[in-house]
N, C-alpha and C. Protein backbone atom coordinates (compact mmCIF):
# COMPACT_ATOMS: atom_id res chain seq x y z
N UNK A 1 -25.94 -34.45 56.59
CA UNK A 1 -26.65 -33.10 56.81
C UNK A 1 -27.63 -32.95 57.75
N UNK A 2 -27.61 -32.42 59.09
CA UNK A 2 -29.12 -32.03 59.33
C UNK A 2 -30.29 -31.06 58.41
N UNK A 3 -29.48 -29.88 57.43
CA UNK A 3 -30.50 -29.44 57.38
C UNK A 3 -31.31 -30.36 55.62
N UNK A 4 -32.44 -30.66 55.62
CA UNK A 4 -32.62 -30.88 54.61
C UNK A 4 -33.91 -29.95 53.62
N UNK A 5 -33.86 -30.77 52.44
CA UNK A 5 -34.54 -29.52 51.78
C UNK A 5 -35.60 -30.26 50.54
N UNK A 6 -36.67 -29.80 49.84
CA UNK A 6 -37.03 -29.83 48.85
C UNK A 6 -37.39 -28.66 47.54
N UNK A 7 -36.44 -28.46 47.49
CA UNK A 7 -36.03 -27.15 46.69
C UNK A 7 -36.25 -27.66 45.19
N UNK A 8 -35.79 -28.50 44.80
CA UNK A 8 -35.83 -29.36 43.57
C UNK A 8 -37.59 -29.32 43.35
N UNK A 9 -38.35 -29.98 44.06
CA UNK A 9 -40.02 -30.35 44.00
C UNK A 9 -40.42 -28.61 43.66
N UNK A 10 -40.17 -27.99 44.49
CA UNK A 10 -40.38 -26.49 44.37
C UNK A 10 -40.49 -25.75 43.12
N UNK A 11 -39.06 -26.26 42.37
CA UNK A 11 -38.68 -25.45 41.47
C UNK A 11 -39.35 -26.33 40.02
N UNK A 12 -39.36 -27.80 40.54
CA UNK A 12 -40.38 -28.04 39.69
C UNK A 12 -41.43 -27.27 39.00
N UNK A 13 -42.25 -27.29 40.80
CA UNK A 13 -43.69 -27.10 40.09
C UNK A 13 -43.48 -25.53 39.45
N UNK A 14 -42.78 -24.84 39.45
CA UNK A 14 -42.79 -23.43 38.79
C UNK A 14 -42.46 -23.59 37.50
N UNK A 15 -42.25 -24.71 37.21
CA UNK A 15 -41.42 -24.59 35.63
C UNK A 15 -40.14 -24.10 35.27
N UNK A 16 -39.21 -24.17 36.13
CA UNK A 16 -37.68 -23.15 36.01
C UNK A 16 -36.60 -24.74 36.28
N UNK A 17 -35.82 -23.93 35.08
CA UNK A 17 -34.62 -24.88 35.82
C UNK A 17 -33.77 -24.32 36.33
N UNK A 18 -32.43 -24.81 37.11
CA UNK A 18 -31.39 -24.00 37.45
C UNK A 18 -30.90 -22.98 37.39
N UNK A 19 -30.41 -22.99 36.04
CA UNK A 19 -30.16 -21.87 35.71
C UNK A 19 -31.26 -20.43 36.00
N UNK A 20 -32.40 -20.67 35.77
CA UNK A 20 -33.35 -19.85 35.69
C UNK A 20 -33.69 -19.57 37.38
N UNK A 21 -33.64 -20.41 38.18
CA UNK A 21 -33.89 -19.98 39.46
C UNK A 21 -32.59 -19.20 40.22
N UNK A 22 -31.57 -19.68 39.50
CA UNK A 22 -30.34 -18.90 40.44
C UNK A 22 -30.29 -17.65 39.58
N UNK A 23 -30.62 -17.38 38.60
CA UNK A 23 -30.83 -15.82 38.36
C UNK A 23 -32.01 -15.01 38.36
N UNK A 24 -32.99 -15.92 38.68
CA UNK A 24 -34.12 -14.74 40.16
C UNK A 24 -33.49 -14.84 41.23
N UNK A 25 -32.89 -15.74 41.67
CA UNK A 25 -32.33 -15.23 42.90
C UNK A 25 -31.22 -14.49 43.53
N UNK A 26 -30.30 -14.20 42.12
CA UNK A 26 -29.31 -13.85 42.14
C UNK A 26 -28.22 -14.54 42.09
N UNK A 27 -28.09 -15.88 42.14
CA UNK A 27 -27.10 -16.74 42.47
C UNK A 27 -26.63 -17.75 41.18
N UNK A 28 -25.50 -18.59 41.40
CA UNK A 28 -25.12 -19.30 40.26
C UNK A 28 -26.37 -20.71 39.85
N UNK A 29 -26.04 -21.11 39.01
CA UNK A 29 -26.41 -22.39 38.71
C UNK A 29 -26.06 -22.95 39.82
N UNK A 30 -24.54 -23.36 39.64
CA UNK A 30 -24.17 -24.10 40.58
C UNK A 30 -24.91 -23.99 42.51
N UNK A 31 -24.88 -22.60 42.54
CA UNK A 31 -25.32 -22.89 44.13
C UNK A 31 -26.77 -22.98 44.41
N UNK A 32 -27.76 -23.08 43.05
CA UNK A 32 -29.02 -23.96 42.99
C UNK A 32 -28.66 -25.26 43.26
N UNK A 33 -27.80 -25.72 42.28
CA UNK A 33 -27.63 -27.39 42.32
C UNK A 33 -26.85 -27.77 43.95
N UNK A 34 -25.99 -27.15 44.57
CA UNK A 34 -25.60 -27.56 45.70
C UNK A 34 -26.08 -27.39 46.68
N UNK A 35 -27.39 -27.12 46.87
CA UNK A 35 -28.63 -26.67 47.68
C UNK A 35 -29.15 -27.68 47.52
N UNK A 36 -29.74 -28.17 46.68
CA UNK A 36 -30.30 -29.12 46.31
C UNK A 36 -30.00 -30.56 46.50
N UNK A 37 -28.56 -30.82 46.11
CA UNK A 37 -28.00 -32.16 46.72
C UNK A 37 -27.97 -32.21 48.06
N UNK A 38 -27.77 -30.89 48.83
CA UNK A 38 -27.31 -31.27 50.58
C UNK A 38 -25.79 -30.69 50.27
N UNK A 39 -25.03 -29.65 49.67
CA UNK A 39 -23.98 -29.92 49.94
C UNK A 39 -23.74 -28.20 50.36
N UNK A 40 -24.67 -27.42 50.19
CA UNK A 40 -24.43 -25.70 50.92
C UNK A 40 -25.94 -25.59 51.40
N UNK A 41 -25.89 -25.16 52.56
CA UNK A 41 -26.48 -24.65 53.66
C UNK A 41 -26.80 -22.95 53.11
N UNK A 42 -27.71 -22.62 52.43
CA UNK A 42 -27.77 -21.21 52.20
C UNK A 42 -28.13 -20.33 53.09
N UNK A 43 -27.60 -18.92 53.17
CA UNK A 43 -27.92 -18.12 54.15
C UNK A 43 -29.41 -17.79 54.30
N UNK A 44 -29.99 -17.25 55.60
CA UNK A 44 -31.23 -16.56 55.99
C UNK A 44 -31.57 -16.28 54.63
N UNK A 45 -30.69 -15.11 53.89
CA UNK A 45 -31.71 -13.84 53.02
C UNK A 45 -31.49 -14.85 52.08
N UNK A 46 -31.19 -15.81 51.40
CA UNK A 46 -31.05 -16.67 50.38
C UNK A 46 -32.27 -17.26 50.65
N UNK A 47 -32.25 -18.36 51.56
CA UNK A 47 -33.30 -19.06 51.85
C UNK A 47 -34.99 -18.62 51.27
N UNK A 48 -34.93 -17.30 52.48
CA UNK A 48 -36.05 -16.80 52.21
C UNK A 48 -36.22 -15.94 51.18
N UNK A 49 -35.53 -15.65 50.22
CA UNK A 49 -35.70 -15.13 48.57
C UNK A 49 -36.21 -16.69 48.17
N UNK A 50 -35.77 -17.64 48.09
CA UNK A 50 -36.15 -18.82 47.40
C UNK A 50 -37.48 -19.04 47.82
N UNK A 51 -38.21 -18.83 49.19
CA UNK A 51 -39.23 -19.45 49.62
C UNK A 51 -40.33 -18.58 48.64
N UNK A 52 -39.99 -16.91 48.95
CA UNK A 52 -40.57 -15.92 48.22
C UNK A 52 -40.87 -16.14 46.78
N UNK A 53 -40.03 -16.81 45.82
CA UNK A 53 -39.78 -17.01 44.60
C UNK A 53 -40.59 -18.20 44.10
N UNK A 54 -40.70 -18.88 45.09
CA UNK A 54 -41.92 -20.17 45.26
C UNK A 54 -42.76 -20.38 45.64
N UNK A 55 -43.59 -19.06 46.31
CA UNK A 55 -44.66 -18.91 46.83
C UNK A 55 -45.28 -19.62 48.20
N UNK A 56 -43.83 -20.27 48.57
CA UNK A 56 -44.62 -20.87 49.80
C UNK A 56 -43.14 -20.72 50.94
N UNK A 57 -43.55 -20.64 52.34
CA UNK A 57 -42.74 -20.45 53.56
C UNK A 57 -41.41 -21.57 53.21
N UNK A 58 -40.42 -20.59 54.30
CA UNK A 58 -39.20 -21.61 54.18
C UNK A 58 -39.43 -22.30 55.08
N UNK A 59 -39.78 -22.74 55.93
CA UNK A 59 -40.51 -24.25 56.15
C UNK A 59 -40.65 -25.13 55.19
N UNK A 60 -41.47 -24.80 54.56
CA UNK A 60 -41.93 -25.67 53.27
C UNK A 60 -40.54 -26.18 52.61
N UNK A 61 -39.55 -25.13 52.11
CA UNK A 61 -38.69 -26.03 51.52
C UNK A 61 -37.38 -26.86 52.41
N UNK A 62 -37.38 -25.75 53.44
CA UNK A 62 -36.04 -26.20 54.39
C UNK A 62 -36.41 -26.95 55.62
N UNK A 63 -36.02 -28.32 56.27
CA UNK A 63 -36.55 -28.67 57.54
C UNK A 63 -35.29 -28.97 58.05
N UNK A 64 -34.85 -28.78 59.73
CA UNK A 64 -33.50 -29.53 60.32
C UNK A 64 -34.12 -30.63 61.13
N UNK A 65 -32.97 -31.68 60.72
CA UNK A 65 -33.46 -32.65 62.15
C UNK A 65 -32.02 -32.81 62.84
N UNK A 66 -31.63 -32.79 63.84
CA UNK A 66 -30.85 -33.51 64.33
C UNK A 66 -30.23 -34.88 64.49
N UNK A 67 -28.76 -34.87 64.19
CA UNK A 67 -28.39 -36.44 64.04
C UNK A 67 -28.18 -36.90 65.54
N UNK A 68 -28.50 -38.26 65.38
CA UNK A 68 -28.80 -38.67 67.52
C UNK A 68 -27.31 -39.10 67.32
């Protein structure tokens, strides 16, 4: 999948678990887990919310690389 993320790193820096970050973002723990594993691409709204919660830009968490 061409969308890569560093959400787990940023979540660890905040000192919260998946359940807590999910609650803060208004989604389930499973959604956070799927994003971190790369199994789910979040909506633009959720990506912006996660970046705001982490105190970084969306680009600090998510990067897109085309497959060749």
